[in-house]
Amino acid sequence: MAAAESDATNGCERCWSPLKESMKGTYVSVEPIHPCRYLDEQPFRFNQREGDDADRFMRTLSWVTGRRVKYDRLTSRPVEA
């Protein structure tokens, strides 16, 4: 295997191994209607790995300030009356 191929493989594994770990440990009950949300979180975490926790928190908070998400959109289910 060439060096460039092994670098690409290691980069992919470095990004996706936390997903495997989180599915086994953190998210013990994953609902089948939300897998894309769990999958989207891993590249986000990987791309935001620079800085400390406070920096990441403030950056994320600045992205969501002033936005409103309704319950039915958040859960992908309509609210029952």
PDB file of N, CA and C in Angstrom:
ATOM      1  N   MET A   1       0.852  -1.172   0.000  1.00  0.00           N
ATOM      2  CA  MET A   1       0.000   0.000   0.000  1.00  0.00           C
ATOM      3  C   MET A   1       0.901   1.238   0.000  1.00  0.00           C
ATOM      4  N   ALA A   2       0.572   2.189  -0.822  1.00  0.00           N
ATOM      5  CA  ALA A   2       1.344   3.427  -0.907  1.00  0.00           C
ATOM      6  C   ALA A   2       1.092   4.291   0.323  1.00  0.00           C
ATOM      7  N   ALA A   3       2.021   5.213   0.583  1.00  0.00           N
ATOM      8  CA  ALA A   3       1.902   6.079   1.768  1.00  0.00           C
ATOM      9  C   ALA A   3       0.632   6.921   1.729  1.00  0.00           C
ATOM     10  N   ALA A   4       0.259   7.444   0.558  1.00  0.00           N
ATOM     11  CA  ALA A   4      -0.938   8.282   0.457  1.00  0.00           C
ATOM     12  C   ALA A   4      -2.195   7.484   0.770  1.00  0.00           C
ATOM     13  N   GLU A   5      -2.231   6.213   0.327  1.00  0.00           N
ATOM     14  CA  GLU A   5      -3.397   5.371   0.617  1.00  0.00           C
ATOM     15  C   GLU A   5      -3.506   5.092   2.112  1.00  0.00           C
ATOM     16  N   SER A   6      -2.383   4.809   2.759  1.00  0.00           N
ATOM     17  CA  SER A   6      -2.430   4.513   4.184  1.00  0.00           C
ATOM     18  C   SER A   6      -2.788   5.752   4.990  1.00  0.00           C
ATOM     19  N   ASP A   7      -2.335   6.940   4.566  1.00  0.00           N
ATOM     20  CA  ASP A   7      -2.715   8.184   5.245  1.00  0.00           C
ATOM     21  C   ASP A   7      -4.214   8.412   5.156  1.00  0.00           C
ATOM     22  N   ALA A   8      -4.793   8.146   3.988  1.00  0.00           N
ATOM     23  CA  ALA A   8      -6.234   8.328   3.811  1.00  0.00           C
ATOM     24  C   ALA A   8      -7.004   7.352   4.687  1.00  0.00           C
ATOM     25  N   THR A   9      -6.539   6.120   4.735  1.00  0.00           N
ATOM     26  CA  THR A   9      -7.204   5.117   5.566  1.00  0.00           C
ATOM     27  C   THR A   9      -7.115   5.499   7.040  1.00  0.00           C
ATOM     28  N   ASN A  10      -5.956   5.925   7.479  1.00  0.00           N
ATOM     29  CA  ASN A  10      -5.808   6.325   8.879  1.00  0.00           C
ATOM     30  C   ASN A  10      -6.666   7.539   9.205  1.00  0.00           C
ATOM     31  N   GLY A  11      -6.766   8.487   8.270  1.00  0.00           N
ATOM     32  CA  GLY A  11      -7.603   9.656   8.493  1.00  0.00           C
ATOM     33  C   GLY A  11      -9.063   9.291   8.631  1.00  0.00           C
ATOM     34  N   CYS A  12      -9.536   8.382   7.782  1.00  0.00           N
ATOM     35  CA  CYS A  12     -10.936   7.926   7.868  1.00  0.00           C
ATOM     36  C   CYS A  12     -11.187   7.203   9.181  1.00  0.00           C
ATOM     37  N   GLU A  13     -10.258   6.336   9.544  1.00  0.00           N
ATOM     38  CA  GLU A  13     -10.421   5.591  10.786  1.00  0.00           C
ATOM     39  C   GLU A  13     -10.394   6.525  11.991  1.00  0.00           C
ATOM     40  N   ARG A  14      -9.537   7.544  11.962  1.00  0.00           N
ATOM     41  CA  ARG A  14      -9.448   8.504  13.070  1.00  0.00           C
ATOM     42  C   ARG A  14     -10.741   9.296  13.216  1.00  0.00           C
ATOM     43  N   CYS A  15     -11.427   9.512  12.119  1.00  0.00           N
ATOM     44  CA  CYS A  15     -12.691  10.249  12.157  1.00  0.00           C
ATOM     45  C   CYS A  15     -13.845   9.364  12.609  1.00  0.00           C
ATOM     46  N   TRP A  16     -13.915   8.110  12.137  1.00  0.00           N
ATOM     47  CA  TRP A  16     -15.084   7.279  12.380  1.00  0.00           C
ATOM     48  C   TRP A  16     -14.984   6.362  13.584  1.00  0.00           C
ATOM     49  N   SER A  17     -13.788   6.143  14.122  1.00  0.00           N
ATOM     50  CA  SER A  17     -13.702   5.287  15.306  1.00  0.00           C
ATOM     51  C   SER A  17     -14.439   5.882  16.508  1.00  0.00           C
ATOM     52  N   PRO A  18     -14.470   7.233  16.690  1.00  0.00           N
ATOM     53  CA  PRO A  18     -15.291   7.763  17.795  1.00  0.00           C
ATOM     54  C   PRO A  18     -16.779   7.453  17.635  1.00  0.00           C
ATOM     55  N   LEU A  19     -17.263   7.336  16.394  1.00  0.00           N
ATOM     56  CA  LEU A  19     -18.671   6.963  16.187  1.00  0.00           C
ATOM     57  C   LEU A  19     -18.925   5.567  16.743  1.00  0.00           C
ATOM     58  N   LYS A  20     -18.045   4.642  16.424  1.00  0.00           N
ATOM     59  CA  LYS A  20     -18.203   3.282  16.930  1.00  0.00           C
ATOM     60  C   LYS A  20     -18.171   3.265  18.453  1.00  0.00           C
ATOM     61  N   GLU A  21     -17.249   4.015  19.025  1.00  0.00           N
ATOM     62  CA  GLU A  21     -17.148   4.064  20.487  1.00  0.00           C
ATOM     63  C   GLU A  21     -18.393   4.686  21.119  1.00  0.00           C
ATOM     64  N   SER A  22     -18.912   5.762  20.510  1.00  0.00           N
ATOM     65  CA  SER A  22     -20.085   6.416  21.093  1.00  0.00           C
ATOM     66  C   SER A  22     -21.327   5.544  20.982  1.00  0.00           C
ATOM     67  N   MET A  23     -21.443   4.769  19.913  1.00  0.00           N
ATOM     68  CA  MET A  23     -22.599   3.879  19.774  1.00  0.00           C
ATOM     69  C   MET A  23     -22.569   2.768  20.816  1.00  0.00           C
ATOM     70  N   LYS A  24     -21.376   2.360  21.211  1.00  0.00           N
ATOM     71  CA  LYS A  24     -21.260   1.302  22.219  1.00  0.00           C
ATOM     72  C   LYS A  24     -21.391   1.840  23.638  1.00  0.00           C
ATOM     73  N   GLY A  25     -21.010   3.114  23.845  1.00  0.00           N
ATOM     74  CA  GLY A  25     -20.967   3.624  25.207  1.00  0.00           C
ATOM     75  C   GLY A  25     -21.934   4.746  25.506  1.00  0.00           C
ATOM     76  N   THR A  26     -21.824   5.869  24.796  1.00  0.00           N
ATOM     77  CA  THR A  26     -22.611   7.049  25.114  1.00  0.00           C
ATOM     78  C   THR A  26     -24.061   6.904  24.696  1.00  0.00           C
ATOM     79  N   TYR A  27     -24.275   6.513  23.449  1.00  0.00           N
ATOM     80  CA  TYR A  27     -25.633   6.394  22.918  1.00  0.00           C
ATOM     81  C   TYR A  27     -26.038   4.930  22.938  1.00  0.00           C
ATOM     82  N   VAL A  28     -26.488   4.463  24.076  1.00  0.00           N
ATOM     83  CA  VAL A  28     -26.805   3.051  24.203  1.00  0.00           C
ATOM     84  C   VAL A  28     -28.165   2.702  23.595  1.00  0.00           C
ATOM     85  N   SER A  29     -29.012   3.701  23.381  1.00  0.00           N
ATOM     86  CA  SER A  29     -30.334   3.457  22.807  1.00  0.00           C
ATOM     87  C   SER A  29     -30.549   4.412  21.635  1.00  0.00           C
ATOM     88  N   VAL A  30     -30.134   3.985  20.461  1.00  0.00           N
ATOM     89  CA  VAL A  30     -30.239   4.811  19.260  1.00  0.00           C
ATOM     90  C   VAL A  30     -31.549   4.483  18.553  1.00  0.00           C
ATOM     91  N   GLU A  31     -32.383   5.502  18.367  1.00  0.00           N
ATOM     92  CA  GLU A  31     -33.644   5.283  17.670  1.00  0.00           C
ATOM     93  C   GLU A  31     -33.406   5.191  16.170  1.00  0.00           C
ATOM     94  N   PRO A  32     -34.073   4.284  15.491  1.00  0.00           N
ATOM     95  CA  PRO A  32     -33.834   4.094  14.055  1.00  0.00           C
ATOM     96  C   PRO A  32     -34.249   5.280  13.184  1.00  0.00           C
ATOM     97  N   ILE A  33     -35.031   6.221  13.722  1.00  0.00           N
ATOM     98  CA  ILE A  33     -35.430   7.370  12.899  1.00  0.00           C
ATOM     99  C   ILE A  33     -34.405   8.485  12.923  1.00  0.00           C
ATOM    100  N   HIS A  34     -33.346   8.382  13.765  1.00  0.00           N
ATOM    101  CA  HIS A  34     -32.366   9.461  13.898  1.00  0.00           C
ATOM    102  C   HIS A  34     -30.925   9.091  13.555  1.00  0.00           C
ATOM    103  N   PRO A  35     -30.632   8.073  12.785  1.00  0.00           N
ATOM    104  CA  PRO A  35     -29.214   7.734  12.574  1.00  0.00           C
ATOM    105  C   PRO A  35     -28.424   8.855  11.896  1.00  0.00           C
ATOM    106  N   CYS A  36     -29.068   9.634  11.033  1.00  0.00           N
ATOM    107  CA  CYS A  36     -28.346  10.709  10.346  1.00  0.00           C
ATOM    108  C   CYS A  36     -27.853  11.759  11.332  1.00  0.00           C
ATOM    109  N   ARG A  37     -28.579  11.968  12.420  1.00  0.00           N
ATOM    110  CA  ARG A  37     -28.145  12.953  13.421  1.00  0.00           C
ATOM    111  C   ARG A  37     -26.895  12.477  14.155  1.00  0.00           C
ATOM    112  N   TYR A  38     -26.846  11.196  14.474  1.00  0.00           N
ATOM    113  CA  TYR A  38     -25.653  10.652  15.116  1.00  0.00           C
ATOM    114  C   TYR A  38     -24.476  10.661  14.152  1.00  0.00           C
ATOM    115  N   LEU A  39     -24.737  10.347  12.898  1.00  0.00           N
ATOM    116  CA  LEU A  39     -23.669  10.355  11.889  1.00  0.00           C
ATOM    117  C   LEU A  39     -23.162  11.770  11.630  1.00  0.00           C
ATOM    118  N   ASP A  40     -24.054  12.748  11.604  1.00  0.00           N
ATOM    119  CA  ASP A  40     -23.641  14.143  11.380  1.00  0.00           C
ATOM    120  C   ASP A  40     -22.797  14.691  12.527  1.00  0.00           C
ATOM    121  N   GLU A  41     -23.017  14.181  13.719  1.00  0.00           N
ATOM    122  CA  GLU A  41     -22.288  14.702  14.875  1.00  0.00           C
ATOM    123  C   GLU A  41     -20.795  14.380  14.800  1.00  0.00           C
ATOM    124  N   GLN A  42     -20.436  13.224  14.260  1.00  0.00           N
ATOM    125  CA  GLN A  42     -19.031  12.825  14.261  1.00  0.00           C
ATOM    126  C   GLN A  42     -18.150  13.706  13.380  1.00  0.00           C
ATOM    127  N   PRO A  43     -18.522  14.011  12.138  1.00  0.00           N
ATOM    128  CA  PRO A  43     -17.684  14.942  11.372  1.00  0.00           C
ATOM    129  C   PRO A  43     -17.643  16.334  12.010  1.00  0.00           C
ATOM    130  N   PHE A  44     -18.756  16.753  12.615  1.00  0.00           N
ATOM    131  CA  PHE A  44     -18.775  18.039  13.305  1.00  0.00           C
ATOM    132  C   PHE A  44     -17.744  18.048  14.429  1.00  0.00           C
ATOM    133  N   ARG A  45     -17.761  17.012  15.260  1.00  0.00           N
ATOM    134  CA  ARG A  45     -16.801  16.935  16.361  1.00  0.00           C
ATOM    135  C   ARG A  45     -15.370  16.891  15.832  1.00  0.00           C
ATOM    136  N   PHE A  46     -15.165  16.110  14.775  1.00  0.00           N
ATOM    137  CA  PHE A  46     -13.823  15.986  14.211  1.00  0.00           C
ATOM    138  C   PHE A  46     -13.341  17.321  13.660  1.00  0.00           C
ATOM    139  N   ASN A  47     -14.203  18.037  12.972  1.00  0.00           N
ATOM    140  CA  ASN A  47     -13.817  19.315  12.375  1.00  0.00           C
ATOM    141  C   ASN A  47     -13.667  20.428  13.404  1.00  0.00           C
ATOM    142  N   GLN A  48     -14.269  20.266  14.569  1.00  0.00           N
ATOM    143  CA  GLN A  48     -14.192  21.288  15.618  1.00  0.00           C
ATOM    144  C   GLN A  48     -13.241  20.875  16.738  1.00  0.00           C
ATOM    145  N   ARG A  49     -12.280  20.009  16.465  1.00  0.00           N
ATOM    146  CA  ARG A  49     -11.410  19.485  17.515  1.00  0.00           C
ATOM    147  C   ARG A  49     -10.350  20.473  17.999  1.00  0.00           C
ATOM    148  N   GLU A  50     -10.132  21.564  17.278  1.00  0.00           N
ATOM    149  CA  GLU A  50      -9.146  22.569  17.687  1.00  0.00           C
ATOM    150  C   GLU A  50      -9.704  23.427  18.820  1.00  0.00           C
ATOM    151  N   GLY A  51      -8.846  23.892  19.684  1.00  0.00           N
ATOM    152  CA  GLY A  51      -9.267  24.759  20.780  1.00  0.00           C
ATOM    153  C   GLY A  51      -9.708  23.957  21.995  1.00  0.00           C
ATOM    154  N   ASP A  52     -10.132  24.664  23.028  1.00  0.00           N
ATOM    155  CA  ASP A  52     -10.598  23.973  24.234  1.00  0.00           C
ATOM    156  C   ASP A  52     -12.125  23.923  24.250  1.00  0.00           C
ATOM    157  N   ASP A  53     -12.665  23.323  25.284  1.00  0.00           N
ATOM    158  CA  ASP A  53     -14.112  23.132  25.375  1.00  0.00           C
ATOM    159  C   ASP A  53     -14.866  24.454  25.370  1.00  0.00           C
ATOM    160  N   ALA A  54     -14.335  25.459  26.049  1.00  0.00           N
ATOM    161  CA  ALA A  54     -15.006  26.759  26.104  1.00  0.00           C
ATOM    162  C   ALA A  54     -15.079  27.397  24.720  1.00  0.00           C
ATOM    163  N   ASP A  55     -14.002  27.288  23.940  1.00  0.00           N
ATOM    164  CA  ASP A  55     -14.010  27.830  22.574  1.00  0.00           C
ATOM    165  C   ASP A  55     -15.064  27.143  21.718  1.00  0.00           C
ATOM    166  N   ARG A  56     -15.103  25.812  21.794  1.00  0.00           N
ATOM    167  CA  ARG A  56     -16.087  25.060  20.999  1.00  0.00           C
ATOM    168  C   ARG A  56     -17.508  25.403  21.421  1.00  0.00           C
ATOM    169  N   PHE A  57     -17.733  25.530  22.722  1.00  0.00           N
ATOM    170  CA  PHE A  57     -19.062  25.860  23.219  1.00  0.00           C
ATOM    171  C   PHE A  57     -19.508  27.228  22.714  1.00  0.00           C
ATOM    172  N   MET A  58     -18.642  28.228  22.828  1.00  0.00           N
ATOM    173  CA  MET A  58     -18.998  29.582  22.391  1.00  0.00           C
ATOM    174  C   MET A  58     -19.224  29.636  20.877  1.00  0.00           C
ATOM    175  N   ARG A  59     -18.426  28.922  20.111  1.00  0.00           N
ATOM    176  CA  ARG A  59     -18.596  28.898  18.662  1.00  0.00           C
ATOM    177  C   ARG A  59     -19.936  28.249  18.294  1.00  0.00           C
ATOM    178  N   THR A  60     -20.257  27.141  18.936  1.00  0.00           N
ATOM    179  CA  THR A  60     -21.526  26.467  18.663  1.00  0.00           C
ATOM    180  C   THR A  60     -22.704  27.326  19.099  1.00  0.00           C
ATOM    181  N   LEU A  61     -22.599  27.953  20.246  1.00  0.00           N
ATOM    182  CA  LEU A  61     -23.660  28.823  20.737  1.00  0.00           C
ATOM    183  C   LEU A  61     -23.908  29.991  19.782  1.00  0.00           C
ATOM    184  N   SER A  62     -22.853  30.525  19.182  1.00  0.00           N
ATOM    185  CA  SER A  62     -23.025  31.641  18.242  1.00  0.00           C
ATOM    186  C   SER A  62     -23.776  31.201  16.986  1.00  0.00           C
ATOM    187  N   TRP A  63     -23.680  29.925  16.635  1.00  0.00           N
ATOM    188  CA  TRP A  63     -24.390  29.422  15.448  1.00  0.00           C
ATOM    189  C   TRP A  63     -25.881  29.248  15.698  1.00  0.00           C
ATOM    190  N   VAL A  64     -26.284  28.997  16.947  1.00  0.00           N
ATOM    191  CA  VAL A  64     -27.690  28.709  17.220  1.00  0.00           C
ATOM    192  C   VAL A  64     -28.447  29.872  17.861  1.00  0.00           C
ATOM    193  N   THR A  65     -27.757  30.908  18.256  1.00  0.00           N
ATOM    194  CA  THR A  65     -28.411  32.045  18.898  1.00  0.00           C
ATOM    195  C   THR A  65     -29.397  32.696  17.938  1.00  0.00           C
ATOM    196  N   GLY A  66     -30.621  32.890  18.397  1.00  0.00           N
ATOM    197  CA  GLY A  66     -31.648  33.534  17.587  1.00  0.00           C
ATOM    198  C   GLY A  66     -32.410  32.584  16.670  1.00  0.00           C
ATOM    199  N   ARG A  67     -32.104  31.301  16.732  1.00  0.00           N
ATOM    200  CA  ARG A  67     -32.826  30.325  15.904  1.00  0.00           C
ATOM    201  C   ARG A  67     -33.813  29.560  16.766  1.00  0.00           C
ATOM    202  N   ARG A  68     -34.918  29.179  16.158  1.00  0.00           N
ATOM    203  CA  ARG A  68     -35.957  28.467  16.882  1.00  0.00           C
ATOM    204  C   ARG A  68     -36.223  27.142  16.182  1.00  0.00           C
ATOM    205  N   VAL A  69     -36.236  26.077  16.944  1.00  0.00           N
ATOM    206  CA  VAL A  69     -36.543  24.756  16.407  1.00  0.00           C
ATOM    207  C   VAL A  69     -37.756  24.243  17.166  1.00  0.00           C
ATOM    208  N   LYS A  70     -38.800  23.914  16.448  1.00  0.00           N
ATOM    209  CA  LYS A  70     -40.010  23.396  17.081  1.00  0.00           C
ATOM    210  C   LYS A  70     -39.840  21.907  17.389  1.00  0.00           C
ATOM    211  N   TYR A  71     -40.559  21.444  18.388  1.00  0.00           N
ATOM    212  CA  TYR A  71     -40.436  20.083  18.875  1.00  0.00           C
ATOM    213  C   TYR A  71     -40.661  19.042  17.782  1.00  0.00           C
ATOM    214  N   ASP A  72     -41.695  19.228  16.961  1.00  0.00           N
ATOM    215  CA  ASP A  72     -41.993  18.220  15.952  1.00  0.00           C
ATOM    216  C   ASP A  72     -40.882  18.105  14.912  1.00  0.00           C
ATOM    217  N   ARG A  73     -40.219  19.201  14.596  1.00  0.00           N
ATOM    218  CA  ARG A  73     -39.102  19.134  13.652  1.00  0.00           C
ATOM    219  C   ARG A  73     -37.877  18.498  14.313  1.00  0.00           C
ATOM    220  N   LEU A  74     -37.669  18.806  15.575  1.00  0.00           N
ATOM    221  CA  LEU A  74     -36.539  18.262  16.304  1.00  0.00           C
ATOM    222  C   LEU A  74     -36.642  16.747  16.451  1.00  0.00           C
ATOM    223  N   THR A  75     -37.829  16.252  16.702  1.00  0.00           N
ATOM    224  CA  THR A  75     -38.022  14.827  16.938  1.00  0.00           C
ATOM    225  C   THR A  75     -38.488  14.070  15.701  1.00  0.00           C
ATOM    226  N   SER A  76     -38.796  14.761  14.635  1.00  0.00           N
ATOM    227  CA  SER A  76     -39.314  14.146  13.397  1.00  0.00           C
ATOM    228  C   SER A  76     -40.664  13.503  13.583  1.00  0.00           C
ATOM    229  N   ARG A  77     -41.365  13.920  14.642  1.00  0.00           N
ATOM    230  CA  ARG A  77     -42.697  13.392  14.896  1.00  0.00           C
ATOM    231  C   ARG A  77     -43.664  14.549  15.131  1.00  0.00           C
ATOM    232  N   PRO A  78     -44.883  14.421  14.668  1.00  0.00           N
ATOM    233  CA  PRO A  78     -45.864  15.475  14.973  1.00  0.00           C
ATOM    234  C   PRO A  78     -46.266  15.433  16.445  1.00  0.00           C
ATOM    235  N   VAL A  79     -46.571  16.584  16.996  1.00  0.00           N
ATOM    236  CA  VAL A  79     -47.031  16.662  18.382  1.00  0.00           C
ATOM    237  C   VAL A  79     -48.450  16.149  18.457  1.00  0.00           C
ATOM    238  N   GLU A  80     -48.688  15.231  19.377  1.00  0.00           N
ATOM    239  CA  GLU A  80     -50.032  14.664  19.541  1.00  0.00           C
ATOM    240  C   GLU A  80     -50.841  15.590  20.418  1.00  0.00           C
ATOM    241  N   ALA A  81     -52.082  15.820  20.020  1.00  0.00           N
ATOM    242  CA  ALA A  81     -52.954  16.725  20.779  1.00  0.00           C
ATOM    243  C   ALA A  81     -53.685  15.999  21.880  1.00  0.00           C
TER     244      ALA A  81
END
